[in-house]
Amino acid sequence: MNPFAEYAIAFLLLLGGAFTLIGAIGLARLPDFFTRLHGPTKATTLGVGAIMLGSVIYFTARGEGIDISEVLITVFLFMTAPVSANILAKAAMHIGVKTTEGTEGKPWEQ
């Protein structure tokens, strides 16, 4: 395998793992629902995207080509994560979930 491909795969796997870890820590440590929502939707989406890109490069470098399942997983992830986060945030605003004291900006109350 090409050394450049190996370095790119290693970098993407480490980057994806770091983003996923940051997202998981954010989910566990942030104080309220609205701030916790950013952990799995922002950082984890980037993390899984980087891991999937590393997988695509790995199998392409081995000569097996791009598998349709990798493409479908990536498309499904990038389409559903923002939509589900938006729906969760709107539902939380609708039922009146409280924010942490000192949080600025509540456009739904205007």
N, C-alpha and C. Protein backbone atom coordinates (compact mmCIF):
# COMPACT_ATOMS: atom_id res chain seq x y z
N MET A 1 0.85 -1.18 0.00
CA MET A 1 0.00 0.00 0.00
C MET A 1 0.89 1.24 0.00
N ASN A 2 0.43 2.27 -0.62
CA ASN A 2 1.14 3.53 -0.73
C ASN A 2 1.34 4.16 0.66
N PRO A 3 2.54 4.59 1.01
CA PRO A 3 2.76 5.21 2.33
C PRO A 3 1.92 6.47 2.54
N PHE A 4 1.71 7.23 1.47
CA PHE A 4 0.86 8.42 1.62
C PHE A 4 -0.56 8.03 2.02
N ALA A 5 -1.08 6.95 1.42
CA ALA A 5 -2.42 6.49 1.77
C ALA A 5 -2.47 6.02 3.23
N GLU A 6 -1.41 5.35 3.67
CA GLU A 6 -1.37 4.89 5.06
C GLU A 6 -1.37 6.06 6.03
N TYR A 7 -0.60 7.09 5.72
CA TYR A 7 -0.58 8.28 6.59
C TYR A 7 -1.93 9.00 6.58
N ALA A 8 -2.54 9.09 5.41
CA ALA A 8 -3.86 9.74 5.32
C ALA A 8 -4.90 8.96 6.11
N ILE A 9 -4.87 7.63 6.00
CA ILE A 9 -5.83 6.79 6.73
C ILE A 9 -5.61 6.94 8.23
N ALA A 10 -4.36 6.89 8.67
CA ALA A 10 -4.07 7.03 10.10
C ALA A 10 -4.51 8.39 10.61
N PHE A 11 -4.23 9.44 9.83
CA PHE A 11 -4.64 10.78 10.24
C PHE A 11 -6.16 10.89 10.35
N LEU A 12 -6.88 10.37 9.35
CA LEU A 12 -8.34 10.46 9.38
C LEU A 12 -8.94 9.65 10.52
N LEU A 13 -8.37 8.48 10.80
CA LEU A 13 -8.87 7.68 11.91
C LEU A 13 -8.63 8.37 13.25
N LEU A 14 -7.45 8.95 13.42
CA LEU A 14 -7.17 9.68 14.66
C LEU A 14 -8.04 10.92 14.79
N LEU A 15 -8.21 11.64 13.69
CA LEU A 15 -9.07 12.83 13.71
C LEU A 15 -10.51 12.45 14.01
N GLY A 16 -10.99 11.40 13.36
CA GLY A 16 -12.36 10.94 13.62
C GLY A 16 -12.56 10.48 15.04
N GLY A 17 -11.59 9.75 15.56
CA GLY A 17 -11.67 9.31 16.95
C GLY A 17 -11.65 10.47 17.93
N ALA A 18 -10.84 11.48 17.63
CA ALA A 18 -10.78 12.66 18.51
C ALA A 18 -12.11 13.42 18.50
N PHE A 19 -12.67 13.64 17.30
CA PHE A 19 -13.95 14.33 17.22
C PHE A 19 -15.06 13.55 17.92
N THR A 20 -15.07 12.24 17.74
CA THR A 20 -16.08 11.41 18.39
C THR A 20 -15.93 11.45 19.91
N LEU A 21 -14.70 11.41 20.38
CA LEU A 21 -14.46 11.50 21.82
C LEU A 21 -14.89 12.85 22.38
N ILE A 22 -14.57 13.92 21.67
CA ILE A 22 -14.99 15.25 22.11
C ILE A 22 -16.51 15.35 22.15
N GLY A 23 -17.19 14.79 21.15
CA GLY A 23 -18.65 14.79 21.13
C GLY A 23 -19.24 14.01 22.30
N ALA A 24 -18.65 12.87 22.62
CA ALA A 24 -19.13 12.07 23.73
C ALA A 24 -18.90 12.77 25.07
N ILE A 25 -17.74 13.40 25.21
CA ILE A 25 -17.47 14.14 26.45
C ILE A 25 -18.43 15.32 26.57
N GLY A 26 -18.68 16.00 25.46
CA GLY A 26 -19.63 17.11 25.48
C GLY A 26 -21.02 16.67 25.86
N LEU A 27 -21.44 15.52 25.37
CA LEU A 27 -22.75 14.99 25.72
C LEU A 27 -22.85 14.70 27.21
N ALA A 28 -21.78 14.22 27.79
CA ALA A 28 -21.79 13.87 29.21
C ALA A 28 -21.59 15.07 30.13
N ARG A 29 -20.84 16.08 29.71
CA ARG A 29 -20.43 17.14 30.62
C ARG A 29 -21.19 18.45 30.50
N LEU A 30 -21.80 18.74 29.35
CA LEU A 30 -22.44 20.04 29.18
C LEU A 30 -23.71 20.13 30.03
N PRO A 31 -24.09 21.34 30.45
CA PRO A 31 -25.07 21.48 31.52
C PRO A 31 -26.54 21.31 31.14
N ASP A 32 -26.98 21.68 29.96
CA ASP A 32 -28.40 21.58 29.67
C ASP A 32 -28.64 20.95 28.31
N PHE A 33 -29.91 20.74 27.99
CA PHE A 33 -30.27 20.01 26.78
C PHE A 33 -29.74 20.67 25.52
N PHE A 34 -29.89 21.98 25.42
CA PHE A 34 -29.52 22.67 24.19
C PHE A 34 -28.01 22.64 23.94
N THR A 35 -27.22 22.75 24.99
CA THR A 35 -25.78 22.66 24.79
C THR A 35 -25.35 21.20 24.57
N ARG A 36 -26.03 20.25 25.22
CA ARG A 36 -25.71 18.83 25.00
C ARG A 36 -26.04 18.39 23.59
N LEU A 37 -26.95 19.06 22.96
CA LEU A 37 -27.35 18.69 21.61
C LEU A 37 -26.21 18.87 20.61
N HIS A 38 -25.28 19.77 20.89
CA HIS A 38 -24.18 20.02 19.96
C HIS A 38 -23.16 18.90 19.94
N GLY A 39 -22.99 18.20 21.06
CA GLY A 39 -21.99 17.13 21.11
C GLY A 39 -22.20 16.05 20.05
N PRO A 40 -23.33 15.36 20.08
CA PRO A 40 -23.50 14.29 19.09
C PRO A 40 -23.77 14.78 17.68
N THR A 41 -24.31 15.98 17.51
CA THR A 41 -24.66 16.40 16.15
C THR A 41 -23.53 17.09 15.42
N LYS A 42 -22.69 17.78 16.10
CA LYS A 42 -21.60 18.49 15.42
C LYS A 42 -20.32 17.67 15.41
N ALA A 43 -19.77 17.44 16.58
CA ALA A 43 -18.46 16.78 16.66
C ALA A 43 -18.53 15.33 16.22
N THR A 44 -19.57 14.62 16.61
CA THR A 44 -19.63 13.21 16.25
C THR A 44 -19.89 13.02 14.77
N THR A 45 -20.65 13.92 14.16
CA THR A 45 -20.86 13.84 12.72
C THR A 45 -19.54 14.01 11.98
N LEU A 46 -18.73 14.96 12.40
CA LEU A 46 -17.41 15.13 11.79
C LEU A 46 -16.53 13.91 12.06
N GLY A 47 -16.63 13.36 13.26
CA GLY A 47 -15.82 12.19 13.60
C GLY A 47 -16.16 10.98 12.76
N VAL A 48 -17.42 10.66 12.65
CA VAL A 48 -17.83 9.51 11.84
C VAL A 48 -17.54 9.77 10.37
N GLY A 49 -17.70 11.01 9.92
CA GLY A 49 -17.37 11.35 8.53
C GLY A 49 -15.90 11.13 8.22
N ALA A 50 -15.03 11.51 9.14
CA ALA A 50 -13.59 11.30 8.94
C ALA A 50 -13.25 9.81 8.96
N ILE A 51 -13.88 9.05 9.83
CA ILE A 51 -13.63 7.60 9.88
C ILE A 51 -14.11 6.94 8.59
N MET A 52 -15.27 7.36 8.10
CA MET A 52 -15.78 6.79 6.85
C MET A 52 -14.86 7.15 5.67
N LEU A 53 -14.36 8.38 5.65
CA LEU A 53 -13.44 8.78 4.59
C LEU A 53 -12.15 7.96 4.65
N GLY A 54 -11.68 7.70 5.86
CA GLY A 54 -10.51 6.82 6.02
C GLY A 54 -10.79 5.41 5.51
N SER A 55 -11.99 4.92 5.74
CA SER A 55 -12.38 3.60 5.23
C SER A 55 -12.42 3.57 3.71
N VAL A 56 -12.95 4.65 3.12
CA VAL A 56 -13.00 4.73 1.65
C VAL A 56 -11.58 4.72 1.08
N ILE A 57 -10.69 5.49 1.69
CA ILE A 57 -9.30 5.54 1.19
C ILE A 57 -8.63 4.18 1.36
N TYR A 58 -8.88 3.52 2.47
CA TYR A 58 -8.26 2.21 2.72
C TYR A 58 -8.66 1.19 1.66
N PHE A 59 -9.96 1.05 1.44
CA PHE A 59 -10.41 0.04 0.48
C PHE A 59 -10.09 0.43 -0.96
N THR A 60 -10.03 1.72 -1.24
CA THR A 60 -9.63 2.15 -2.57
C THR A 60 -8.14 1.86 -2.80
N ALA A 61 -7.31 2.09 -1.79
CA ALA A 61 -5.87 1.84 -1.92
C ALA A 61 -5.57 0.34 -2.03
N ARG A 62 -6.41 -0.49 -1.47
CA ARG A 62 -6.23 -1.95 -1.58
C ARG A 62 -6.69 -2.48 -2.93
N GLY A 63 -7.35 -1.63 -3.71
CA GLY A 63 -7.79 -2.05 -5.04
C GLY A 63 -9.20 -2.58 -5.09
N GLU A 64 -9.92 -2.50 -3.99
CA GLU A 64 -11.29 -3.02 -3.96
C GLU A 64 -12.32 -1.99 -4.41
N GLY A 65 -11.92 -0.74 -4.49
CA GLY A 65 -12.83 0.32 -4.93
C GLY A 65 -13.74 0.79 -3.82
N ILE A 66 -14.57 1.75 -4.17
CA ILE A 66 -15.50 2.33 -3.21
C ILE A 66 -16.75 1.45 -3.14
N ASP A 67 -17.12 1.05 -1.94
CA ASP A 67 -18.30 0.22 -1.73
C ASP A 67 -19.52 1.12 -1.58
N ILE A 68 -20.63 0.68 -2.09
CA ILE A 68 -21.85 1.48 -2.04
C ILE A 68 -22.33 1.66 -0.59
N SER A 69 -22.05 0.69 0.28
CA SER A 69 -22.49 0.82 1.67
C SER A 69 -21.77 1.98 2.37
N GLU A 70 -20.51 2.20 2.07
CA GLU A 70 -19.79 3.33 2.67
C GLU A 70 -20.39 4.66 2.24
N VAL A 71 -20.74 4.75 0.97
CA VAL A 71 -21.34 5.98 0.46
C VAL A 71 -22.71 6.19 1.09
N LEU A 72 -23.50 5.13 1.19
CA LEU A 72 -24.84 5.26 1.76
C LEU A 72 -24.81 5.61 3.25
N ILE A 73 -23.87 5.03 3.98
CA ILE A 73 -23.74 5.37 5.40
C ILE A 73 -23.39 6.85 5.57
N THR A 74 -22.45 7.32 4.76
CA THR A 74 -22.04 8.72 4.85
C THR A 74 -23.18 9.67 4.49
N VAL A 75 -23.87 9.37 3.41
CA VAL A 75 -25.00 10.22 2.99
C VAL A 75 -26.09 10.21 4.05
N PHE A 76 -26.42 9.02 4.56
CA PHE A 76 -27.45 8.92 5.59
C PHE A 76 -27.07 9.71 6.84
N LEU A 77 -25.82 9.60 7.24
CA LEU A 77 -25.36 10.32 8.43
C LEU A 77 -25.47 11.83 8.24
N PHE A 78 -24.96 12.34 7.13
CA PHE A 78 -24.95 13.78 6.91
C PHE A 78 -26.34 14.34 6.62
N MET A 79 -27.27 13.50 6.21
CA MET A 79 -28.63 13.98 5.99
C MET A 79 -29.48 13.93 7.26
N THR A 80 -29.29 12.93 8.09
CA THR A 80 -30.17 12.76 9.24
C THR A 80 -29.72 13.48 10.50
N ALA A 81 -28.43 13.63 10.72
CA ALA A 81 -27.96 14.25 11.97
C ALA A 81 -28.43 15.70 12.11
N PRO A 82 -28.28 16.56 11.11
CA PRO A 82 -28.76 17.94 11.28
C PRO A 82 -30.29 18.03 11.39
N VAL A 83 -30.99 17.20 10.64
CA VAL A 83 -32.45 17.24 10.68
C VAL A 83 -32.96 16.78 12.04
N SER A 84 -32.40 15.70 12.57
CA SER A 84 -32.85 15.22 13.87
C SER A 84 -32.51 16.22 14.98
N ALA A 85 -31.35 16.87 14.89
CA ALA A 85 -31.00 17.88 15.89
C ALA A 85 -31.95 19.07 15.82
N ASN A 86 -32.32 19.48 14.63
CA ASN A 86 -33.26 20.58 14.47
C ASN A 86 -34.62 20.22 15.05
N ILE A 87 -35.10 19.03 14.79
CA ILE A 87 -36.40 18.59 15.31
C ILE A 87 -36.35 18.49 16.83
N LEU A 88 -35.27 17.95 17.38
CA LEU A 88 -35.14 17.87 18.84
C LEU A 88 -35.12 19.26 19.48
N ALA A 89 -34.39 20.19 18.88
CA ALA A 89 -34.32 21.55 19.43
C ALA A 89 -35.67 22.24 19.36
N LYS A 90 -36.39 22.08 18.26
CA LYS A 90 -37.71 22.69 18.14
C LYS A 90 -38.70 22.09 19.13
N ALA A 91 -38.63 20.79 19.32
CA ALA A 91 -39.51 20.14 20.30
C ALA A 91 -39.20 20.62 21.71
N ALA A 92 -37.92 20.77 22.02
CA ALA A 92 -37.54 21.25 23.35
C ALA A 92 -37.99 22.69 23.57
N MET A 93 -37.88 23.53 22.53
CA MET A 93 -38.36 24.91 22.65
C MET A 93 -39.87 24.93 22.83
N HIS A 94 -40.58 24.06 22.12
CA HIS A 94 -42.04 24.02 22.17
C HIS A 94 -42.55 23.62 23.55
N ILE A 95 -41.90 22.64 24.18
CA ILE A 95 -42.38 22.20 25.49
C ILE A 95 -41.77 23.00 26.64
N GLY A 96 -40.84 23.90 26.33
CA GLY A 96 -40.31 24.81 27.35
C GLY A 96 -39.20 24.24 28.20
N VAL A 97 -38.30 23.51 27.60
CA VAL A 97 -37.15 22.98 28.34
C VAL A 97 -36.30 24.16 28.81
N LYS A 98 -35.94 24.13 30.08
CA LYS A 98 -35.17 25.23 30.68
C LYS A 98 -33.71 25.18 30.25
N THR A 99 -33.13 26.36 30.13
CA THR A 99 -31.71 26.47 29.83
C THR A 99 -30.95 26.77 31.11
N THR A 100 -29.65 26.64 31.06
CA THR A 100 -28.80 26.96 32.19
C THR A 100 -28.82 28.46 32.42
N GLU A 101 -28.76 28.85 33.68
CA GLU A 101 -28.75 30.28 34.00
C GLU A 101 -27.53 30.94 33.36
N GLY A 102 -27.73 32.09 32.77
CA GLY A 102 -26.66 32.81 32.10
C GLY A 102 -26.60 32.55 30.61
N THR A 103 -27.46 31.64 30.11
CA THR A 103 -27.49 31.39 28.67
C THR A 103 -28.13 32.58 27.98
N GLU A 104 -27.48 33.07 26.94
CA GLU A 104 -28.00 34.22 26.22
C GLU A 104 -28.70 33.78 24.95
N GLY A 105 -29.69 34.56 24.55
CA GLY A 105 -30.37 34.32 23.29
C GLY A 105 -31.49 33.31 23.40
N LYS A 106 -32.72 33.81 23.38
CA LYS A 106 -33.90 32.95 23.36
C LYS A 106 -34.85 33.51 22.31
N PRO A 107 -34.58 33.27 21.03
CA PRO A 107 -35.40 33.87 19.99
C PRO A 107 -36.84 33.40 19.98
N TRP A 108 -37.13 32.26 20.59
CA TRP A 108 -38.49 31.75 20.59
C TRP A 108 -39.40 32.50 21.57
N GLU A 109 -38.81 33.35 22.44
CA GLU A 109 -39.62 34.10 23.40
C GLU A 109 -39.99 35.49 22.92
N GLN A 110 -39.55 35.90 21.74
CA GLN A 110 -39.82 37.25 21.25
C GLN A 110 -41.19 37.34 20.66
